[in-house]
C-alpha atoms as a PDB file:
ATOM      1  CA  MET A   1       6.727   9.808  15.675  1.00  0.00           C
ATOM      2  CA  ALA A   2       9.272   8.068  13.446  1.00  0.00           C
ATOM      3  CA  PHE A   3       7.003   5.016  13.190  1.00  0.00           C
ATOM      4  CA  VAL A   4       4.118   7.048  11.788  1.00  0.00           C
ATOM      5  CA  GLU A   5       6.369   8.727   9.238  1.00  0.00           C
ATOM      6  CA  GLN A   6       7.462   5.328   7.868  1.00  0.00           C
ATOM      7  CA  LEU A   7       3.921   4.080   7.232  1.00  0.00           C
ATOM      8  CA  ARG A   8       2.940   3.592   3.619  1.00  0.00           C
ATOM      9  CA  VAL A   9      -0.503   3.363   2.038  1.00  0.00           C
ATOM     10  CA  ALA A  10      -0.155  -0.417   1.751  1.00  0.00           C
ATOM     11  CA  ASP A  11       0.441  -0.626   5.519  1.00  0.00           C
ATOM     12  CA  LEU A  12      -2.642   1.444   6.198  1.00  0.00           C
ATOM     13  CA  ALA A  13      -4.653  -0.745   3.803  1.00  0.00           C
ATOM     14  CA  VAL A  14      -3.686  -3.830   5.825  1.00  0.00           C
ATOM     15  CA  GLY A  15      -4.814  -1.993   8.954  1.00  0.00           C
ATOM     16  CA  ILE A  16      -8.157  -1.153   7.330  1.00  0.00           C
ATOM     17  CA  PHE A  17      -8.593  -4.793   6.325  1.00  0.00           C
ATOM     18  CA  PHE A  18      -7.987  -6.033   9.870  1.00  0.00           C
ATOM     19  CA  LEU A  19     -10.246  -3.328  11.279  1.00  0.00           C
ATOM     20  CA  GLY A  20     -13.014  -4.671   9.045  1.00  0.00           C
ATOM     21  CA  LEU A  21     -12.192  -8.235  10.094  1.00  0.00           C
ATOM     22  CA  TYR A  22     -12.473  -7.253  13.757  1.00  0.00           C
ATOM     23  CA  GLY A  23     -15.805  -5.565  13.041  1.00  0.00           C
ATOM     24  CA  ALA A  24     -17.130  -8.602  11.190  1.00  0.00           C
ATOM     25  CA  MET A  25     -16.186 -10.904  14.052  1.00  0.00           C
ATOM     26  CA  SER A  26     -17.347  -8.729  16.943  1.00  0.00           C
ATOM     27  CA  GLN A  27     -20.633  -7.209  15.798  1.00  0.00           C
ATOM     28  CA  ARG A  28     -24.000  -8.584  16.840  1.00  0.00           C
ATOM     29  CA  SER A  29     -25.896  -6.624  14.205  1.00  0.00           C
ATOM     30  CA  ILE A  30     -26.172  -8.176  10.759  1.00  0.00           C
ATOM     31  CA  VAL A  31     -26.022  -4.770   9.033  1.00  0.00           C
ATOM     32  CA  LYS A  32     -22.819  -3.827  10.875  1.00  0.00           C
ATOM     33  CA  THR A  33     -21.324  -7.168   9.885  1.00  0.00           C
ATOM     34  CA  ILE A  34     -22.140  -6.483   6.228  1.00  0.00           C
ATOM     35  CA  MET A  35     -20.580  -3.018   6.514  1.00  0.00           C
ATOM     36  CA  SER A  36     -17.462  -4.573   8.050  1.00  0.00           C
ATOM     37  CA  VAL A  37     -17.166  -6.966   5.109  1.00  0.00           C
ATOM     38  CA  GLY A  38     -17.318  -3.931   2.813  1.00  0.00           C
ATOM     39  CA  ILE A  39     -14.501  -2.305   4.796  1.00  0.00           C
ATOM     40  CA  MET A  40     -12.441  -5.488   4.431  1.00  0.00           C
ATOM     41  CA  ASP A  41     -13.047  -5.361   0.678  1.00  0.00           C
ATOM     42  CA  ILE A  42     -11.848  -1.752   0.484  1.00  0.00           C
ATOM     43  CA  GLY A  43      -8.722  -2.605   2.475  1.00  0.00           C
ATOM     44  CA  ALA A  44      -7.861  -5.564   0.229  1.00  0.00           C
ATOM     45  CA  ILE A  45      -8.382  -3.580  -2.974  1.00  0.00           C
ATOM     46  CA  THR A  46      -6.299  -0.663  -1.682  1.00  0.00           C
ATOM     47  CA  PHE A  47      -3.497  -3.023  -0.647  1.00  0.00           C
ATOM     48  CA  PHE A  48      -3.301  -4.708  -4.035  1.00  0.00           C
ATOM     49  CA  MET A  49      -3.408  -1.378  -5.870  1.00  0.00           C
ATOM     50  CA  MET A  50      -0.596   0.083  -3.751  1.00  0.00           C
ATOM     51  CA  ALA A  51       1.607  -2.996  -3.245  1.00  0.00           C
ATOM     52  CA  ASN A  52       3.403  -2.577  -6.584  1.00  0.00           C
ATOM     53  CA  HIS A  53       2.795   1.144  -7.113  1.00  0.00           C
ATOM     54  CA  GLN A  54       5.534   2.988  -8.994  1.00  0.00           C
ATOM     55  CA  ALA A  55       5.406   6.774  -8.736  1.00  0.00           C
ATOM     56  CA  GLU A  56       7.195   7.382 -12.063  1.00  0.00           C
ATOM     57  CA  ALA A  57       4.963   5.034 -14.102  1.00  0.00           C
ATOM     58  CA  LEU A  58       2.896   6.607 -16.882  1.00  0.00           C
ATOM     59  CA  PRO A  59      -0.621   5.590 -17.918  1.00  0.00           C
ATOM     60  CA  PRO A  60      -0.695   2.733 -20.474  1.00  0.00           C
ATOM     61  CA  ILE A  61      -1.518   4.923 -23.490  1.00  0.00           C
ATOM     62  CA  ALA A  62       0.044   4.441 -26.945  1.00  0.00           C
ATOM     63  CA  PRO A  63       2.506   7.400 -27.233  1.00  0.00           C
ATOM     64  CA  ASN A  64       4.304   6.580 -23.949  1.00  0.00           C
ATOM     65  CA  PRO A  65       7.401   4.344 -24.000  1.00  0.00           C
ATOM     66  CA  ALA A  66       6.634   0.755 -22.984  1.00  0.00           C
ATOM     67  CA  GLN A  67       9.316   0.698 -20.273  1.00  0.00           C
ATOM     68  CA  GLN A  68       7.692   3.590 -18.385  1.00  0.00           C
ATOM     69  CA  MET A  69       4.095   2.386 -18.584  1.00  0.00           C
ATOM     70  CA  ALA A  70       2.175   1.152 -15.571  1.00  0.00           C
ATOM     71  CA  ASP A  71       0.989  -2.445 -15.717  1.00  0.00           C
ATOM     72  CA  PRO A  72      -2.749  -2.357 -16.598  1.00  0.00           C
ATOM     73  CA  VAL A  73      -3.470  -5.928 -15.423  1.00  0.00           C
ATOM     74  CA  PRO A  74      -3.645  -5.155 -11.654  1.00  0.00           C
ATOM     75  CA  GLN A  75      -5.877  -2.192 -12.397  1.00  0.00           C
ATOM     76  CA  ALA A  76      -8.239  -4.341 -14.451  1.00  0.00           C
ATOM     77  CA  LEU A  77      -8.298  -6.998 -11.743  1.00  0.00           C
ATOM     78  CA  MET A  78      -9.114  -4.443  -9.054  1.00  0.00           C
ATOM     79  CA  ILE A  79     -11.928  -2.946 -11.139  1.00  0.00           C
ATOM     80  CA  THR A  80     -13.328  -6.464 -11.381  1.00  0.00           C
ATOM     81  CA  ALA A  81     -12.875  -6.905  -7.616  1.00  0.00           C
ATOM     82  CA  ILE A  82     -14.779  -3.668  -6.978  1.00  0.00           C
ATOM     83  CA  VAL A  83     -17.699  -4.848  -9.108  1.00  0.00           C
ATOM     84  CA  ILE A  84     -17.739  -8.229  -7.377  1.00  0.00           C
ATOM     85  CA  GLY A  85     -17.525  -6.570  -3.946  1.00  0.00           C
ATOM     86  CA  VAL A  86     -20.476  -4.291  -4.681  1.00  0.00           C
ATOM     87  CA  SER A  87     -22.457  -7.297  -5.926  1.00  0.00           C
ATOM     88  CA  VAL A  88     -21.665  -9.300  -2.798  1.00  0.00           C
ATOM     89  CA  ILE A  89     -22.703  -6.424  -0.531  1.00  0.00           C
ATOM     90  CA  ALA A  90     -25.937  -5.974  -2.497  1.00  0.00           C
ATOM     91  CA  MET A  91     -26.709  -9.698  -2.239  1.00  0.00           C
ATOM     92  CA  CYS A  92     -25.961  -9.686   1.500  1.00  0.00           C
ATOM     93  CA  LEU A  93     -28.290  -6.735   2.015  1.00  0.00           C
ATOM     94  CA  ALA A  94     -31.029  -8.440  -0.001  1.00  0.00           C
ATOM     95  CA  MET A  95     -30.656 -11.593   2.091  1.00  0.00           C
ATOM     96  CA  TYR A  96     -30.655  -9.489   5.262  1.00  0.00           C
ATOM     97  CA  MET A  97     -33.924  -7.830   4.229  1.00  0.00           C
ATOM     98  CA  ARG A  98     -35.502 -11.238   3.698  1.00  0.00           C
ATOM     99  CA  VAL A  99     -34.236 -12.590   7.035  1.00  0.00           C
ATOM    100  CA  ALA A 100     -35.295  -9.441   8.915  1.00  0.00           C
ATOM    101  CA  TYR A 101     -38.762  -9.636   7.371  1.00  0.00           C
ATOM    102  CA  ARG A 102     -39.184 -13.340   8.161  1.00  0.00           C
ATOM    103  CA  TYR A 103     -37.628 -13.491  11.650  1.00  0.00           C
ATOM    104  CA  GLY A 104     -38.064  -9.865  12.762  1.00  0.00           C
ATOM    105  CA  THR A 105     -34.532  -9.298  14.026  1.00  0.00           C
ATOM    106  CA  ALA A 106     -31.178  -7.847  12.988  1.00  0.00           C
ATOM    107  CA  ASP A 107     -29.241  -9.530  15.822  1.00  0.00           C
ATOM    108  CA  TRP A 108     -27.148 -12.631  15.099  1.00  0.00           C
ATOM    109  CA  ASN A 109     -27.755 -14.197  18.520  1.00  0.00           C
ATOM    110  CA  ILE A 110     -31.536 -13.817  18.392  1.00  0.00           C
ATOM    111  CA  LEU A 111     -31.592 -15.085  14.801  1.00  0.00           C
ATOM    112  CA  ILE A 112     -29.610 -18.206  15.725  1.00  0.00           C
ATOM    113  CA  ARG A 113     -31.949 -18.915  18.673  1.00  0.00           C
ATOM    114  CA  ARG A 114     -35.010 -18.539  16.438  1.00  0.00           C
ATOM    115  CA  LEU A 115     -33.495 -20.823  13.797  1.00  0.00           C
ATOM    116  CA  ASP A 116     -32.778 -23.519  16.421  1.00  0.00           C
ATOM    117  CA  GLN A 117     -36.418 -23.610  17.551  1.00  0.00           C
END
């Protein structure tokens, strides 16, 4: 039980990332692969937000002393990463809809066989 008590949020975020990576590599369904990529994105964003987290840091607002303020740059970068991740997932789903309509399948193996013909 001592191992579980030593886990931090950043460690769990790495686990979530690799869980999504496993899902992306092992799924035959295109939709499940897209969902796994979204899980990887969540794991990466959580890791970068928690890697340099300081519990005593205050929000970067004017009346707070500069030494105690949290760095706003990682937060801004992660907001940008969230927007990009949502856009990538939306584009993947749009491409999936087009492929499913044209080839009539949501299975990677069947799609590859139909593309080779």
